[in-house]
Amino acid sequence: MPDQPGNYKARLIGSHKIKAKITGAAINADAAQVALLSEGELHLFRDFSSVDKFYEGKYEKRELKGAGQTEGLDFIDENKLVITSEGGNLYHYTL
């Protein structure tokens, strides 16, 4: 999306068959990894040709046991995430 105010129409450019509702998304600083979050699961994409097509990269799903209903995430550095839960908890997760 442009960084200018206005009305814009989203269009589908690709997809990945994740069977979960995504609650958060983040990309690391060197644009080498994209992390998506769903309830109790982390979905990682690596080795993609461009950020615009991250969903075509190598996919890995990781369980987040005991984290509850996870809601948001962000990269702290290249391989560490901070994850929040609906219950107000914060988690550090190392890839």
PDB file of N, CA and C in Angstrom:
ATOM      1  N   MET A   1       0.842  -1.173   0.000  1.00  0.00           N
ATOM      2  CA  MET A   1       0.000   0.000   0.000  1.00  0.00           C
ATOM      3  C   MET A   1       0.895   1.246   0.000  1.00  0.00           C
ATOM      4  N   PRO A   2       0.525   2.244  -0.720  1.00  0.00           N
ATOM      5  CA  PRO A   2       1.285   3.501  -0.707  1.00  0.00           C
ATOM      6  C   PRO A   2       1.239   4.145   0.677  1.00  0.00           C
ATOM      7  N   ASP A   3       2.220   4.986   0.957  1.00  0.00           N
ATOM      8  CA  ASP A   3       2.248   5.667   2.258  1.00  0.00           C
ATOM      9  C   ASP A   3       1.541   7.025   2.201  1.00  0.00           C
ATOM     10  N   GLN A   4       0.664   7.196   1.248  1.00  0.00           N
ATOM     11  CA  GLN A   4      -0.100   8.432   1.099  1.00  0.00           C
ATOM     12  C   GLN A   4      -1.577   8.162   1.414  1.00  0.00           C
ATOM     13  N   PRO A   5      -2.257   9.125   2.039  1.00  0.00           N
ATOM     14  CA  PRO A   5      -3.695   8.946   2.297  1.00  0.00           C
ATOM     15  C   PRO A   5      -4.462   8.745   0.994  1.00  0.00           C
ATOM     16  N   GLY A   6      -5.529   7.993   1.072  1.00  0.00           N
ATOM     17  CA  GLY A   6      -6.353   7.779  -0.108  1.00  0.00           C
ATOM     18  C   GLY A   6      -7.153   6.502   0.013  1.00  0.00           C
ATOM     19  N   ASN A   7      -7.926   6.230  -0.998  1.00  0.00           N
ATOM     20  CA  ASN A   7      -8.701   4.997  -1.068  1.00  0.00           C
ATOM     21  C   ASN A   7      -7.975   4.024  -1.971  1.00  0.00           C
ATOM     22  N   TYR A   8      -7.726   2.826  -1.463  1.00  0.00           N
ATOM     23  CA  TYR A   8      -6.997   1.825  -2.223  1.00  0.00           C
ATOM     24  C   TYR A   8      -7.775   0.520  -2.193  1.00  0.00           C
ATOM     25  N   LYS A   9      -7.635  -0.246  -3.241  1.00  0.00           N
ATOM     26  CA  LYS A   9      -8.311  -1.528  -3.327  1.00  0.00           C
ATOM     27  C   LYS A   9      -7.256  -2.633  -3.257  1.00  0.00           C
ATOM     28  N   ALA A  10      -7.423  -3.536  -2.296  1.00  0.00           N
ATOM     29  CA  ALA A  10      -6.510  -4.663  -2.176  1.00  0.00           C
ATOM     30  C   ALA A  10      -6.828  -5.684  -3.264  1.00  0.00           C
ATOM     31  N   ARG A  11      -5.786  -6.361  -3.739  1.00  0.00           N
ATOM     32  CA  ARG A  11      -5.995  -7.422  -4.709  1.00  0.00           C
ATOM     33  C   ARG A  11      -5.128  -8.606  -4.307  1.00  0.00           C
ATOM     34  N   LEU A  12      -5.645  -9.776  -4.504  1.00  0.00           N
ATOM     35  CA  LEU A  12      -4.952 -11.000  -4.152  1.00  0.00           C
ATOM     36  C   LEU A  12      -3.759 -11.203  -5.083  1.00  0.00           C
ATOM     37  N   ILE A  13      -2.567 -11.406  -4.491  1.00  0.00           N
ATOM     38  CA  ILE A  13      -1.378 -11.657  -5.309  1.00  0.00           C
ATOM     39  C   ILE A  13      -0.840 -13.064  -5.090  1.00  0.00           C
ATOM     40  N   GLY A  14      -1.355 -13.772  -4.085  1.00  0.00           N
ATOM     41  CA  GLY A  14      -0.911 -15.133  -3.818  1.00  0.00           C
ATOM     42  C   GLY A  14      -1.535 -15.646  -2.543  1.00  0.00           C
ATOM     43  N   SER A  15      -1.266 -16.902  -2.232  1.00  0.00           N
ATOM     44  CA  SER A  15      -1.833 -17.479  -1.018  1.00  0.00           C
ATOM     45  C   SER A  15      -1.012 -18.687  -0.571  1.00  0.00           C
ATOM     46  N   HIS A  16      -1.285 -19.110   0.651  1.00  0.00           N
ATOM     47  CA  HIS A  16      -0.690 -20.312   1.211  1.00  0.00           C
ATOM     48  C   HIS A  16      -1.771 -20.992   2.034  1.00  0.00           C
ATOM     49  N   LYS A  17      -1.844 -22.289   1.987  1.00  0.00           N
ATOM     50  CA  LYS A  17      -2.937 -23.015   2.653  1.00  0.00           C
ATOM     51  C   LYS A  17      -2.618 -23.287   4.116  1.00  0.00           C
ATOM     52  N   ILE A  18      -2.687 -22.260   4.938  1.00  0.00           N
ATOM     53  CA  ILE A  18      -2.546 -22.411   6.383  1.00  0.00           C
ATOM     54  C   ILE A  18      -3.954 -22.586   6.933  1.00  0.00           C
ATOM     55  N   LYS A  19      -4.155 -23.649   7.673  1.00  0.00           N
ATOM     56  CA  LYS A  19      -5.488 -23.926   8.213  1.00  0.00           C
ATOM     57  C   LYS A  19      -5.588 -23.345   9.619  1.00  0.00           C
ATOM     58  N   ALA A  20      -5.525 -22.024   9.705  1.00  0.00           N
ATOM     59  CA  ALA A  20      -5.597 -21.325  10.987  1.00  0.00           C
ATOM     60  C   ALA A  20      -5.929 -19.868  10.720  1.00  0.00           C
ATOM     61  N   LYS A  21      -6.492 -19.213  11.722  1.00  0.00           N
ATOM     62  CA  LYS A  21      -6.741 -17.774  11.628  1.00  0.00           C
ATOM     63  C   LYS A  21      -5.488 -17.038  12.085  1.00  0.00           C
ATOM     64  N   ILE A  22      -4.938 -16.218  11.219  1.00  0.00           N
ATOM     65  CA  ILE A  22      -3.702 -15.493  11.513  1.00  0.00           C
ATOM     66  C   ILE A  22      -4.038 -14.262  12.346  1.00  0.00           C
ATOM     67  N   THR A  23      -3.310 -14.096  13.463  1.00  0.00           N
ATOM     68  CA  THR A  23      -3.555 -12.976  14.378  1.00  0.00           C
ATOM     69  C   THR A  23      -2.429 -11.955  14.375  1.00  0.00           C
ATOM     70  N   GLY A  24      -1.285 -12.294  13.799  1.00  0.00           N
ATOM     71  CA  GLY A  24      -0.170 -11.360  13.767  1.00  0.00           C
ATOM     72  C   GLY A  24       0.815 -11.740  12.680  1.00  0.00           C
ATOM     73  N   ALA A  25       1.631 -10.763  12.270  1.00  0.00           N
ATOM     74  CA  ALA A  25       2.633 -10.998  11.234  1.00  0.00           C
ATOM     75  C   ALA A  25       3.821 -10.082  11.465  1.00  0.00           C
ATOM     76  N   ALA A  26       5.014 -10.573  11.127  1.00  0.00           N
ATOM     77  CA  ALA A  26       6.231  -9.765  11.257  1.00  0.00           C
ATOM     78  C   ALA A  26       7.256 -10.250  10.241  1.00  0.00           C
ATOM     79  N   ILE A  27       8.155  -9.344   9.876  1.00  0.00           N
ATOM     80  CA  ILE A  27       9.271  -9.669   8.989  1.00  0.00           C
ATOM     81  C   ILE A  27      10.542  -9.197   9.681  1.00  0.00           C
ATOM     82  N   ASN A  28      11.619  -9.991   9.623  1.00  0.00           N
ATOM     83  CA  ASN A  28      12.832  -9.572  10.311  1.00  0.00           C
ATOM     84  C   ASN A  28      13.545  -8.478   9.519  1.00  0.00           C
ATOM     85  N   ALA A  29      14.534  -7.854  10.176  1.00  0.00           N
ATOM     86  CA  ALA A  29      15.177  -6.647   9.629  1.00  0.00           C
ATOM     87  C   ALA A  29      15.836  -6.862   8.273  1.00  0.00           C
ATOM     88  N   ASP A  30      16.416  -8.030   8.029  1.00  0.00           N
ATOM     89  CA  ASP A  30      17.064  -8.237   6.734  1.00  0.00           C
ATOM     90  C   ASP A  30      16.126  -8.866   5.699  1.00  0.00           C
ATOM     91  N   ALA A  31      14.835  -8.920   6.023  1.00  0.00           N
ATOM     92  CA  ALA A  31      13.790  -9.416   5.122  1.00  0.00           C
ATOM     93  C   ALA A  31      14.041 -10.858   4.667  1.00  0.00           C
ATOM     94  N   ALA A  32      14.650 -11.659   5.548  1.00  0.00           N
ATOM     95  CA  ALA A  32      14.935 -13.046   5.214  1.00  0.00           C
ATOM     96  C   ALA A  32      13.916 -14.014   5.787  1.00  0.00           C
ATOM     97  N   GLN A  33      13.107 -13.547   6.754  1.00  0.00           N
ATOM     98  CA  GLN A  33      12.120 -14.413   7.386  1.00  0.00           C
ATOM     99  C   GLN A  33      10.822 -13.653   7.604  1.00  0.00           C
ATOM    100  N   VAL A  34       9.726 -14.333   7.377  1.00  0.00           N
ATOM    101  CA  VAL A  34       8.404 -13.812   7.702  1.00  0.00           C
ATOM    102  C   VAL A  34       7.799 -14.778   8.712  1.00  0.00           C
ATOM    103  N   ALA A  35       7.244 -14.219   9.784  1.00  0.00           N
ATOM    104  CA  ALA A  35       6.583 -15.028  10.808  1.00  0.00           C
ATOM    105  C   ALA A  35       5.120 -14.621  10.875  1.00  0.00           C
ATOM    106  N   LEU A  36       4.248 -15.612  10.838  1.00  0.00           N
ATOM    107  CA  LEU A  36       2.820 -15.408  11.027  1.00  0.00           C
ATOM    108  C   LEU A  36       2.431 -16.132  12.311  1.00  0.00           C
ATOM    109  N   LEU A  37       1.443 -15.601  13.006  1.00  0.00           N
ATOM    110  CA  LEU A  37       1.026 -16.155  14.282  1.00  0.00           C
ATOM    111  C   LEU A  37      -0.440 -16.538  14.229  1.00  0.00           C
ATOM    112  N   SER A  38      -0.757 -17.680  14.784  1.00  0.00           N
ATOM    113  CA  SER A  38      -2.145 -18.085  14.978  1.00  0.00           C
ATOM    114  C   SER A  38      -2.254 -18.576  16.418  1.00  0.00           C
ATOM    115  N   GLU A  39      -3.413 -18.996  16.821  1.00  0.00           N
ATOM    116  CA  GLU A  39      -3.591 -19.423  18.202  1.00  0.00           C
ATOM    117  C   GLU A  39      -2.714 -20.635  18.505  1.00  0.00           C
ATOM    118  N   GLY A  40      -1.659 -20.396  19.284  1.00  0.00           N
ATOM    119  CA  GLY A  40      -0.773 -21.469  19.709  1.00  0.00           C
ATOM    120  C   GLY A  40       0.166 -22.010  18.651  1.00  0.00           C
ATOM    121  N   GLU A  41       0.293 -21.323  17.517  1.00  0.00           N
ATOM    122  CA  GLU A  41       1.181 -21.785  16.452  1.00  0.00           C
ATOM    123  C   GLU A  41       1.939 -20.632  15.814  1.00  0.00           C
ATOM    124  N   LEU A  42       3.162 -20.929  15.428  1.00  0.00           N
ATOM    125  CA  LEU A  42       4.008 -19.988  14.706  1.00  0.00           C
ATOM    126  C   LEU A  42       4.234 -20.562  13.316  1.00  0.00           C
ATOM    127  N   HIS A  43       4.050 -19.734  12.281  1.00  0.00           N
ATOM    128  CA  HIS A  43       4.206 -20.155  10.886  1.00  0.00           C
ATOM    129  C   HIS A  43       5.353 -19.349  10.296  1.00  0.00           C
ATOM    130  N   LEU A  44       6.432 -20.026   9.908  1.00  0.00           N
ATOM    131  CA  LEU A  44       7.639 -19.364   9.421  1.00  0.00           C
ATOM    132  C   LEU A  44       7.837 -19.609   7.936  1.00  0.00           C
ATOM    133  N   PHE A  45       8.281 -18.555   7.242  1.00  0.00           N
ATOM    134  CA  PHE A  45       8.626 -18.638   5.824  1.00  0.00           C
ATOM    135  C   PHE A  45      10.049 -18.125   5.656  1.00  0.00           C
ATOM    136  N   ARG A  46      10.853 -18.911   4.926  1.00  0.00           N
ATOM    137  CA  ARG A  46      12.250 -18.545   4.641  1.00  0.00           C
ATOM    138  C   ARG A  46      12.565 -18.923   3.194  1.00  0.00           C
ATOM    139  N   ASP A  47      13.721 -18.488   2.754  1.00  0.00           N
ATOM    140  CA  ASP A  47      14.221 -18.865   1.422  1.00  0.00           C
ATOM    141  C   ASP A  47      13.244 -18.517   0.311  1.00  0.00           C
ATOM    142  N   PHE A  48      12.717 -17.296   0.344  1.00  0.00           N
ATOM    143  CA  PHE A  48      11.829 -16.840  -0.723  1.00  0.00           C
ATOM    144  C   PHE A  48      12.595 -15.910  -1.647  1.00  0.00           C
ATOM    145  N   SER A  49      12.122 -15.794  -2.870  1.00  0.00           N
ATOM    146  CA  SER A  49      12.826 -14.986  -3.872  1.00  0.00           C
ATOM    147  C   SER A  49      12.666 -13.483  -3.627  1.00  0.00           C
ATOM    148  N   SER A  50      11.524 -13.086  -3.061  1.00  0.00           N
ATOM    149  CA  SER A  50      11.305 -11.686  -2.710  1.00  0.00           C
ATOM    150  C   SER A  50      10.247 -11.629  -1.619  1.00  0.00           C
ATOM    151  N   VAL A  51      10.252 -10.561  -0.842  1.00  0.00           N
ATOM    152  CA  VAL A  51       9.285 -10.408   0.240  1.00  0.00           C
ATOM    153  C   VAL A  51       7.863 -10.454  -0.309  1.00  0.00           C
ATOM    154  N   ASP A  52       7.670  -9.925  -1.505  1.00  0.00           N
ATOM    155  CA  ASP A  52       6.345  -9.925  -2.123  1.00  0.00           C
ATOM    156  C   ASP A  52       5.808 -11.336  -2.349  1.00  0.00           C
ATOM    157  N   LYS A  53       6.701 -12.309  -2.377  1.00  0.00           N
ATOM    158  CA  LYS A  53       6.284 -13.696  -2.623  1.00  0.00           C
ATOM    159  C   LYS A  53       6.765 -14.614  -1.500  1.00  0.00           C
ATOM    160  N   PHE A  54       6.754 -14.100  -0.257  1.00  0.00           N
ATOM    161  CA  PHE A  54       7.234 -14.895   0.876  1.00  0.00           C
ATOM    162  C   PHE A  54       6.499 -16.220   0.996  1.00  0.00           C
ATOM    163  N   TYR A  55       5.232 -16.259   0.627  1.00  0.00           N
ATOM    164  CA  TYR A  55       4.392 -17.454   0.749  1.00  0.00           C
ATOM    165  C   TYR A  55       4.853 -18.591  -0.161  1.00  0.00           C
ATOM    166  N   GLU A  56       5.769 -18.304  -1.103  1.00  0.00           N
ATOM    167  CA  GLU A  56       6.320 -19.334  -1.971  1.00  0.00           C
ATOM    168  C   GLU A  56       7.588 -19.953  -1.385  1.00  0.00           C
ATOM    169  N   GLY A  57       8.054 -19.410  -0.255  1.00  0.00           N
ATOM    170  CA  GLY A  57       9.286 -19.900   0.353  1.00  0.00           C
ATOM    171  C   GLY A  57       9.093 -21.180   1.145  1.00  0.00           C
ATOM    172  N   LYS A  58      10.173 -21.593   1.801  1.00  0.00           N
ATOM    173  CA  LYS A  58      10.143 -22.778   2.660  1.00  0.00           C
ATOM    174  C   LYS A  58       9.256 -22.483   3.861  1.00  0.00           C
ATOM    175  N   TYR A  59       8.301 -23.361   4.126  1.00  0.00           N
ATOM    176  CA  TYR A  59       7.325 -23.174   5.200  1.00  0.00           C
ATOM    177  C   TYR A  59       7.583 -24.148   6.337  1.00  0.00           C
ATOM    178  N   GLU A  60       7.460 -23.634   7.560  1.00  0.00           N
ATOM    179  CA  GLU A  60       7.597 -24.469   8.754  1.00  0.00           C
ATOM    180  C   GLU A  60       6.575 -24.011   9.794  1.00  0.00           C
ATOM    181  N   LYS A  61       5.880 -24.975  10.394  1.00  0.00           N
ATOM    182  CA  LYS A  61       4.930 -24.669  11.463  1.00  0.00           C
ATOM    183  C   LYS A  61       5.509 -25.170  12.779  1.00  0.00           C
ATOM    184  N   ARG A  62       5.440 -24.308  13.827  1.00  0.00           N
ATOM    185  CA  ARG A  62       5.910 -24.691  15.153  1.00  0.00           C
ATOM    186  C   ARG A  62       4.794 -24.485  16.170  1.00  0.00           C
ATOM    187  N   GLU A  63       4.625 -25.459  17.039  1.00  0.00           N
ATOM    188  CA  GLU A  63       3.638 -25.366  18.116  1.00  0.00           C
ATOM    189  C   GLU A  63       4.177 -24.456  19.208  1.00  0.00           C
ATOM    190  N   LEU A  64       3.310 -23.676  19.805  1.00  0.00           N
ATOM    191  CA  LEU A  64       3.656 -22.817  20.940  1.00  0.00           C
ATOM    192  C   LEU A  64       2.889 -23.332  22.155  1.00  0.00           C
ATOM    193  N   LYS A  65       3.311 -24.460  22.668  1.00  0.00           N
ATOM    194  CA  LYS A  65       2.602 -25.122  23.767  1.00  0.00           C
ATOM    195  C   LYS A  65       2.567 -24.230  24.997  1.00  0.00           C
ATOM    196  N   GLY A  66       1.382 -24.127  25.579  1.00  0.00           N
ATOM    197  CA  GLY A  66       1.210 -23.377  26.813  1.00  0.00           C
ATOM    198  C   GLY A  66       1.108 -21.875  26.652  1.00  0.00           C
ATOM    199  N   ALA A  67       1.156 -21.383  25.424  1.00  0.00           N
ATOM    200  CA  ALA A  67       1.121 -19.933  25.201  1.00  0.00           C
ATOM    201  C   ALA A  67      -0.300 -19.383  25.199  1.00  0.00           C
ATOM    202  N   GLY A  68      -1.292 -20.240  25.095  1.00  0.00           N
ATOM    203  CA  GLY A  68      -2.669 -19.766  25.070  1.00  0.00           C
ATOM    204  C   GLY A  68      -3.020 -19.129  23.743  1.00  0.00           C
ATOM    205  N   GLN A  69      -3.950 -18.180  23.798  1.00  0.00           N
ATOM    206  CA  GLN A  69      -4.400 -17.512  22.580  1.00  0.00           C
ATOM    207  C   GLN A  69      -3.427 -16.395  22.235  1.00  0.00           C
ATOM    208  N   THR A  70      -2.463 -16.708  21.380  1.00  0.00           N
ATOM    209  CA  THR A  70      -1.442 -15.746  20.974  1.00  0.00           C
ATOM    210  C   THR A  70      -2.036 -14.745  19.981  1.00  0.00           C
ATOM    211  N   GLU A  71      -1.644 -13.493  20.140  1.00  0.00           N
ATOM    212  CA  GLU A  71      -2.283 -12.407  19.374  1.00  0.00           C
ATOM    213  C   GLU A  71      -1.342 -11.593  18.496  1.00  0.00           C
ATOM    214  N   GLY A  72      -0.131 -11.321  18.944  1.00  0.00           N
ATOM    215  CA  GLY A  72       0.756 -10.451  18.182  1.00  0.00           C
ATOM    216  C   GLY A  72       2.205 -10.866  18.345  1.00  0.00           C
ATOM    217  N   LEU A  73       3.055 -10.450  17.410  1.00  0.00           N
ATOM    218  CA  LEU A  73       4.475 -10.771  17.478  1.00  0.00           C
ATOM    219  C   LEU A  73       5.293  -9.750  16.727  1.00  0.00           C
ATOM    220  N   ASP A  74       6.595  -9.711  17.056  1.00  0.00           N
ATOM    221  CA  ASP A  74       7.536  -8.871  16.333  1.00  0.00           C
ATOM    222  C   ASP A  74       8.930  -9.449  16.530  1.00  0.00           C
ATOM    223  N   PHE A  75       9.804  -9.201  15.572  1.00  0.00           N
ATOM    224  CA  PHE A  75      11.191  -9.632  15.689  1.00  0.00           C
ATOM    225  C   PHE A  75      11.942  -8.661  16.590  1.00  0.00           C
ATOM    226  N   ILE A  76      12.711  -9.195  17.535  1.00  0.00           N
ATOM    227  CA  ILE A  76      13.612  -8.401  18.374  1.00  0.00           C
ATOM    228  C   ILE A  76      14.958  -8.285  17.670  1.00  0.00           C
ATOM    229  N   ASP A  77      15.392  -9.385  17.082  1.00  0.00           N
ATOM    230  CA  ASP A  77      16.587  -9.406  16.249  1.00  0.00           C
ATOM    231  C   ASP A  77      16.359 -10.456  15.159  1.00  0.00           C
ATOM    232  N   GLU A  78      17.396 -10.845  14.477  1.00  0.00           N
ATOM    233  CA  GLU A  78      17.225 -11.729  13.318  1.00  0.00           C
ATOM    234  C   GLU A  78      16.581 -13.071  13.647  1.00  0.00           C
ATOM    235  N   ASN A  79      16.769 -13.566  14.866  1.00  0.00           N
ATOM    236  CA  ASN A  79      16.264 -14.894  15.203  1.00  0.00           C
ATOM    237  C   ASN A  79      15.515 -14.957  16.523  1.00  0.00           C
ATOM    238  N   LYS A  80      15.066 -13.829  17.040  1.00  0.00           N
ATOM    239  CA  LYS A  80      14.314 -13.838  18.284  1.00  0.00           C
ATOM    240  C   LYS A  80      13.047 -13.010  18.124  1.00  0.00           C
ATOM    241  N   LEU A  81      11.935 -13.585  18.620  1.00  0.00           N
ATOM    242  CA  LEU A  81      10.630 -12.939  18.546  1.00  0.00           C
ATOM    243  C   LEU A  81      10.123 -12.619  19.940  1.00  0.00           C
ATOM    244  N   VAL A  82       9.303 -11.592  20.033  1.00  0.00           N
ATOM    245  CA  VAL A  82       8.482 -11.371  21.216  1.00  0.00           C
ATOM    246  C   VAL A  82       7.043 -11.640  20.774  1.00  0.00           C
ATOM    247  N   ILE A  83       6.329 -12.417  21.590  1.00  0.00           N
ATOM    248  CA  ILE A  83       4.962 -12.829  21.276  1.00  0.00           C
ATOM    249  C   ILE A  83       4.064 -12.430  22.436  1.00  0.00           C
ATOM    250  N   THR A  84       2.882 -11.908  22.125  1.00  0.00           N
ATOM    251  CA  THR A  84       1.916 -11.539  23.160  1.00  0.00           C
ATOM    252  C   THR A  84       0.722 -12.491  23.103  1.00  0.00           C
ATOM    253  N   SER A  85       0.061 -12.623  24.251  1.00  0.00           N
ATOM    254  CA  SER A  85      -1.143 -13.446  24.299  1.00  0.00           C
ATOM    255  C   SER A  85      -2.314 -12.607  24.780  1.00  0.00           C
ATOM    256  N   GLU A  86      -3.509 -13.102  24.524  1.00  0.00           N
ATOM    257  CA  GLU A  86      -4.718 -12.398  24.931  1.00  0.00           C
ATOM    258  C   GLU A  86      -4.772 -12.215  26.446  1.00  0.00           C
ATOM    259  N   GLY A  87      -4.154 -13.134  27.187  1.00  0.00           N
ATOM    260  CA  GLY A  87      -4.134 -13.048  28.643  1.00  0.00           C
ATOM    261  C   GLY A  87      -3.163 -12.013  29.185  1.00  0.00           C
ATOM    262  N   GLY A  88      -2.420 -11.325  28.312  1.00  0.00           N
ATOM    263  CA  GLY A  88      -1.499 -10.282  28.731  1.00  0.00           C
ATOM    264  C   GLY A  88      -0.067 -10.758  28.941  1.00  0.00           C
ATOM    265  N   ASN A  89       0.218 -12.005  28.618  1.00  0.00           N
ATOM    266  CA  ASN A  89       1.572 -12.523  28.785  1.00  0.00           C
ATOM    267  C   ASN A  89       2.458 -12.141  27.598  1.00  0.00           C
ATOM    268  N   LEU A  90       3.761 -12.004  27.882  1.00  0.00           N
ATOM    269  CA  LEU A  90       4.774 -11.772  26.851  1.00  0.00           C
ATOM    270  C   LEU A  90       5.728 -12.955  26.859  1.00  0.00           C
ATOM    271  N   TYR A  91       6.123 -13.391  25.673  1.00  0.00           N
ATOM    272  CA  TYR A  91       7.046 -14.518  25.536  1.00  0.00           C
ATOM    273  C   TYR A  91       8.180 -14.126  24.606  1.00  0.00           C
ATOM    274  N   HIS A  92       9.407 -14.569  24.928  1.00  0.00           N
ATOM    275  CA  HIS A  92      10.515 -14.499  24.000  1.00  0.00           C
ATOM    276  C   HIS A  92      10.623 -15.869  23.348  1.00  0.00           C
ATOM    277  N   TYR A  93      10.810 -15.884  22.052  1.00  0.00           N
ATOM    278  CA  TYR A  93      10.923 -17.140  21.325  1.00  0.00           C
ATOM    279  C   TYR A  93      12.120 -17.061  20.401  1.00  0.00           C
ATOM    280  N   THR A  94      13.057 -17.993  20.571  1.00  0.00           N
ATOM    281  CA  THR A  94      14.236 -18.035  19.720  1.00  0.00           C
ATOM    282  C   THR A  94      14.035 -19.056  18.612  1.00  0.00           C
ATOM    283  N   LEU A  95      14.296 -18.649  17.392  1.00  0.00           N
ATOM    284  CA  LEU A  95      14.125 -19.535  16.226  1.00  0.00           C
ATOM    285  C   LEU A  95      15.303 -20.490  16.104  1.00  0.00           C
TER     286      LEU A  95
END
